[in-house]
Protein backbone atom coordinates (compact mmCIF):
# COMPACT_ATOMS: atom_id res chain seq x y z
CA MET A 1 0.09 -0.13 0.21
CA ALA A 2 2.63 2.60 1.19
CA ARG A 3 4.46 1.25 -2.53
CA LEU A 4 1.37 2.52 -4.52
CA PHE A 5 0.79 5.32 -2.43
CA SER A 6 4.61 6.76 -3.03
CA ARG A 7 4.18 6.19 -7.31
CA ILE A 8 1.05 7.81 -6.89
CA GLN A 9 3.10 10.56 -5.42
CA LYS A 10 5.66 10.22 -8.01
CA VAL A 11 3.28 10.84 -11.02
CA TRP A 12 1.78 14.10 -9.59
CA GLN A 13 4.71 15.76 -8.76
CA LYS A 14 5.46 14.75 -12.71
CA ALA A 15 2.76 16.44 -13.87
CA LEU A 16 3.22 19.84 -11.32
CA GLY A 17 6.35 19.85 -13.10
CA ALA A 18 5.16 19.71 -16.38
CA CYS A 19 2.49 22.38 -15.68
CA SER A 20 5.51 25.00 -14.40
CA PHE A 21 5.77 27.91 -15.94
CA GLN A 22 8.79 27.60 -17.71
CA SER A 23 7.52 23.94 -19.25
CA LEU A 24 4.30 25.71 -21.26
CA ARG A 25 6.80 28.61 -22.28
CA ARG A 26 9.36 25.81 -23.83
CA ALA A 27 5.76 24.34 -25.20
CA TRP A 28 4.66 27.61 -26.72
CA ASP A 29 7.88 28.37 -28.76
CA ARG A 30 7.72 25.21 -30.36
CA TRP A 31 3.88 24.76 -30.81
CA GLY A 32 2.42 28.34 -30.61
CA PHE A 33 2.72 28.81 -34.32
CA TYR A 34 0.62 25.48 -35.22
CA ILE A 35 -1.66 26.57 -32.32
CA SER A 36 -2.57 29.84 -33.50
CA LEU A 37 -3.11 28.54 -37.33
CA ALA A 38 -5.59 25.94 -35.98
CA LEU A 39 -7.65 28.29 -33.82
CA ALA A 40 -7.69 31.15 -36.61
CA LEU A 41 -9.13 28.36 -39.41
CA ILE A 42 -11.62 27.50 -36.83
CA LEU A 43 -13.10 30.74 -36.24
CA ILE A 44 -13.04 31.53 -40.03
CA GLY A 45 -14.58 28.31 -40.56
CA TYR A 46 -17.23 28.65 -38.03
CA GLY A 47 -17.93 32.54 -38.99
CA ALA A 48 -18.40 31.24 -42.48
CA VAL A 49 -21.21 28.55 -41.03
CA ALA A 50 -23.09 31.17 -39.48
CA ILE A 51 -23.16 33.07 -42.23
CA ARG A 52 -24.59 30.64 -44.31
CA ASN A 53 -27.47 29.92 -41.96
CA ARG A 54 -28.06 33.05 -41.20
CA PRO A 55 -32.08 33.48 -42.48
CA ALA A 56 -32.37 35.65 -45.09
CA ARG A 57 -34.04 39.45 -44.59
CA GLU A 58 -36.90 39.80 -45.47
CA VAL A 59 -37.79 41.41 -48.76
CA ALA A 60 -40.59 43.79 -49.63
CA PRO A 61 -42.40 42.73 -52.78
CA VAL A 62 -41.89 44.20 -55.97
CA ALA A 63 -44.98 46.05 -56.44
CA ALA A 64 -44.50 47.55 -52.90
CA MET A 65 -40.89 49.08 -54.02
CA GLN A 66 -42.33 50.54 -57.51
CA PRO A 67 -43.80 53.77 -58.12
CA ALA A 68 -47.74 52.61 -59.15
CA LEU A 69 -47.72 52.88 -62.84
CA ALA A 70 -50.79 55.16 -64.58
CA SER A 71 -53.74 53.29 -66.22
CA PRO A 72 -53.21 53.10 -69.55
CA ALA A 73 -54.93 55.55 -71.75
CA PRO A 74 -58.12 53.77 -73.61
CA THR A 75 -57.59 52.70 -76.95
CA ALA A 76 -59.93 53.99 -79.53
CA THR A 77 -62.88 51.64 -80.20
CA ALA A 78 -63.07 50.32 -83.97
CA ALA A 79 -65.91 52.01 -85.54
CA PRO A 80 -68.84 49.14 -86.03
CA MET A 81 -68.85 47.56 -89.59
CA PRO A 82 -71.41 49.70 -92.11
CA LEU A 83 -74.22 47.94 -93.34
CA PHE A 84 -74.37 46.97 -97.00
CA GLN A 85 -76.70 47.94 -99.57
CA TRP A 86 -79.06 46.17 -101.60
CA PRO A 87 -77.78 44.72 -104.82
CA LEU A 88 -81.39 45.64 -105.83
CA SER A 89 -84.83 46.02 -104.93
CA GLY A 90 -86.86 43.26 -104.33
CA GLU A 91 -88.75 40.73 -101.63
CA ILE A 92 -87.45 38.13 -100.10
CA LEU A 93 -88.35 34.88 -101.76
CA MET A 94 -86.17 32.68 -99.63
CA ALA A 95 -84.14 33.42 -96.15
CA HIS A 96 -80.80 32.51 -94.90
CA SER A 97 -81.45 28.99 -93.81
CA PRO A 98 -77.48 27.54 -93.57
CA GLU A 99 -78.47 25.11 -90.83
CA SER A 100 -82.32 24.01 -90.79
CA ALA A 101 -82.84 22.81 -94.42
CA VAL A 102 -85.53 24.60 -96.81
CA TYR A 103 -87.64 22.48 -98.92
CA GLN A 104 -86.77 22.95 -102.75
CA PRO A 105 -90.17 21.94 -105.02
CA ALA A 106 -88.40 21.52 -108.16
CA LEU A 107 -86.05 19.28 -106.44
CA GLY A 108 -88.13 17.72 -103.94
CA ALA A 109 -85.90 17.55 -101.56
CA PHE A 110 -84.40 19.84 -98.31
CA THR A 111 -81.23 21.60 -98.43
CA ALA A 112 -79.54 24.17 -96.59
CA HIS A 113 -79.50 27.76 -97.93
CA GLU A 114 -76.78 29.87 -97.46
CA GLY A 115 -77.73 33.58 -98.54
CA VAL A 116 -80.68 35.01 -99.28
CA ASP A 117 -82.63 34.81 -102.68
CA ILE A 118 -84.56 38.09 -103.62
CA ALA A 119 -87.32 38.57 -106.66
CA SER A 120 -86.22 40.28 -109.63
CA ARG A 121 -87.07 40.72 -113.44
CA ALA A 122 -84.77 38.93 -115.94
CA GLY A 123 -81.99 41.35 -117.09
CA GLU A 124 -82.18 43.48 -113.85
CA THR A 125 -79.31 45.38 -112.99
CA VAL A 126 -77.41 44.01 -110.27
CA CYS A 127 -75.42 46.27 -108.00
CA ALA A 128 -72.38 45.77 -105.75
CA ALA A 129 -73.59 45.95 -101.85
CA ALA A 130 -70.31 47.43 -101.11
CA ASP A 131 -66.74 48.48 -102.44
CA GLY A 132 -64.50 46.06 -103.28
CA GLY A 133 -62.25 43.92 -106.07
CA TYR A 134 -63.99 40.96 -107.39
CA VAL A 135 -67.24 40.68 -109.57
CA LEU A 136 -69.63 38.04 -109.01
CA GLU A 137 -67.55 37.54 -105.60
CA ILE A 138 -66.51 40.87 -104.65
CA ALA A 139 -63.47 41.07 -101.69
CA HIS A 140 -64.23 43.75 -99.13
CA VAL A 141 -62.44 44.89 -96.02
CA ASP A 142 -61.87 42.86 -92.66
CA GLY A 143 -62.53 39.44 -94.35
CA LEU A 144 -66.25 40.27 -96.04
CA VAL A 145 -67.08 39.19 -99.19
CA THR A 146 -70.25 39.10 -100.92
CA ARG A 147 -71.48 36.43 -103.59
CA TYR A 148 -73.64 36.98 -106.56
CA GLY A 149 -75.61 34.00 -108.27
CA GLY A 150 -78.49 33.58 -110.74
CA LEU A 151 -76.69 36.26 -113.02
CA SER A 152 -76.61 36.36 -117.10
CA ALA A 153 -73.82 35.51 -118.81
CA THR A 154 -73.01 39.49 -119.50
CA ALA A 155 -71.30 40.99 -116.91
CA LEU A 156 -70.79 44.65 -116.84
CA ALA A 157 -67.52 44.75 -114.76
CA GLN A 158 -64.43 43.01 -115.62
CA SER A 159 -62.66 40.23 -113.72
CA GLY A 160 -60.12 42.10 -111.04
CA GLU A 161 -61.62 45.37 -111.22
CA ARG A 162 -62.40 47.40 -108.35
CA VAL A 163 -65.64 48.37 -107.78
CA ARG A 164 -67.61 50.74 -105.82
CA ALA A 165 -70.92 50.44 -103.79
CA GLY A 166 -73.68 50.67 -105.95
CA GLN A 167 -71.99 50.50 -109.77
CA ALA A 168 -73.49 47.89 -111.82
CA VAL A 169 -71.58 44.49 -112.15
CA ALA A 170 -74.37 42.00 -113.32
CA THR A 171 -77.78 41.50 -114.91
CA VAL A 172 -80.09 38.98 -113.21
CA GLY A 173 -80.44 35.75 -116.08
CA ASP A 174 -83.09 33.09 -116.59
CA VAL A 175 -84.52 31.24 -113.58
CA PRO A 176 -81.81 28.82 -112.24
CA CYS A 177 -82.15 25.28 -112.83
CA GLY A 178 -84.03 23.47 -109.95
CA GLU A 179 -85.78 26.92 -109.05
CA SER A 180 -88.15 27.78 -111.18
CA HIS A 181 -91.06 27.78 -108.76
CA LEU A 182 -89.21 31.08 -107.65
CA GLY A 183 -89.24 32.81 -110.85
CA PRO A 184 -86.09 35.29 -111.62
CA HIS A 185 -83.81 36.39 -108.64
CA LEU A 186 -80.20 37.07 -106.85
CA HIS A 187 -79.12 34.79 -105.02
CA PHE A 188 -76.91 36.94 -102.62
CA GLU A 189 -74.79 35.71 -99.80
CA VAL A 190 -72.31 37.41 -97.22
CA LEU A 191 -69.26 35.57 -95.75
CA GLU A 192 -66.97 37.24 -93.01
CA ASN A 193 -63.44 34.91 -92.76
CA GLY A 194 -65.23 32.02 -95.06
CA CYS A 195 -68.20 31.72 -92.61
CA GLY A 196 -71.57 32.61 -94.35
CA GLU A 197 -73.64 35.38 -92.23
CA ASP A 198 -77.27 36.40 -92.63
CA PRO A 199 -77.09 39.06 -95.22
CA GLN A 200 -80.35 40.42 -94.11
CA ASP A 201 -78.10 41.36 -90.70
CA TRP A 202 -75.73 43.39 -93.06
CA LEU A 203 -78.46 45.02 -94.95
CA PRO A 204 -80.83 48.33 -94.52
CA SER A 205 -84.03 47.37 -93.09
CA SER A 206 -85.65 47.49 -96.37
CA ALA A 207 -84.53 47.40 -99.82
CA GLY A 208 -83.58 50.64 -101.67
CA ALA A 209 -82.69 52.03 -98.50
């Protein structure tokens, strides 16, 4: 027991000797540079981690930072398309019926009817419903086309000629085959961008108006 106590005492004295000021100074002279460098690297790494993990600042919405913009000036409303004029005066014999079939006595069958049939006399002059560039099928502005059927073979205007509203472009011909029950008449169609429209929606309320 005494021997064990003596050994512990020696170890303790040796430890105290190692911790003396002189010993610490010798250790610092030998290892101080490396210890300082290690501590500096640890501090730099800790700072970088702290900055990266720092919560982001709240940024005000863009709309809140920018001044309110004045409302754009209202654009001019496009003028409504003008009504066509009647290509000739006459009673409507058959109305526009593109979806519900109309019975044709001469054919003995129901058929769809694009356009309107306007009663007339053979040889009566047919006028352009609006300004345009073609005869029989006249192209107007904004994808509008008027189509004229039941005409005589004698043309009053040349193909490709520009025509004016009210200008004579053709004459009514003989009764079209299959429509003898109607008598001489002009078949008149209006198309908008290739789609058939009811001509009476584009014409004045009465013929010749």
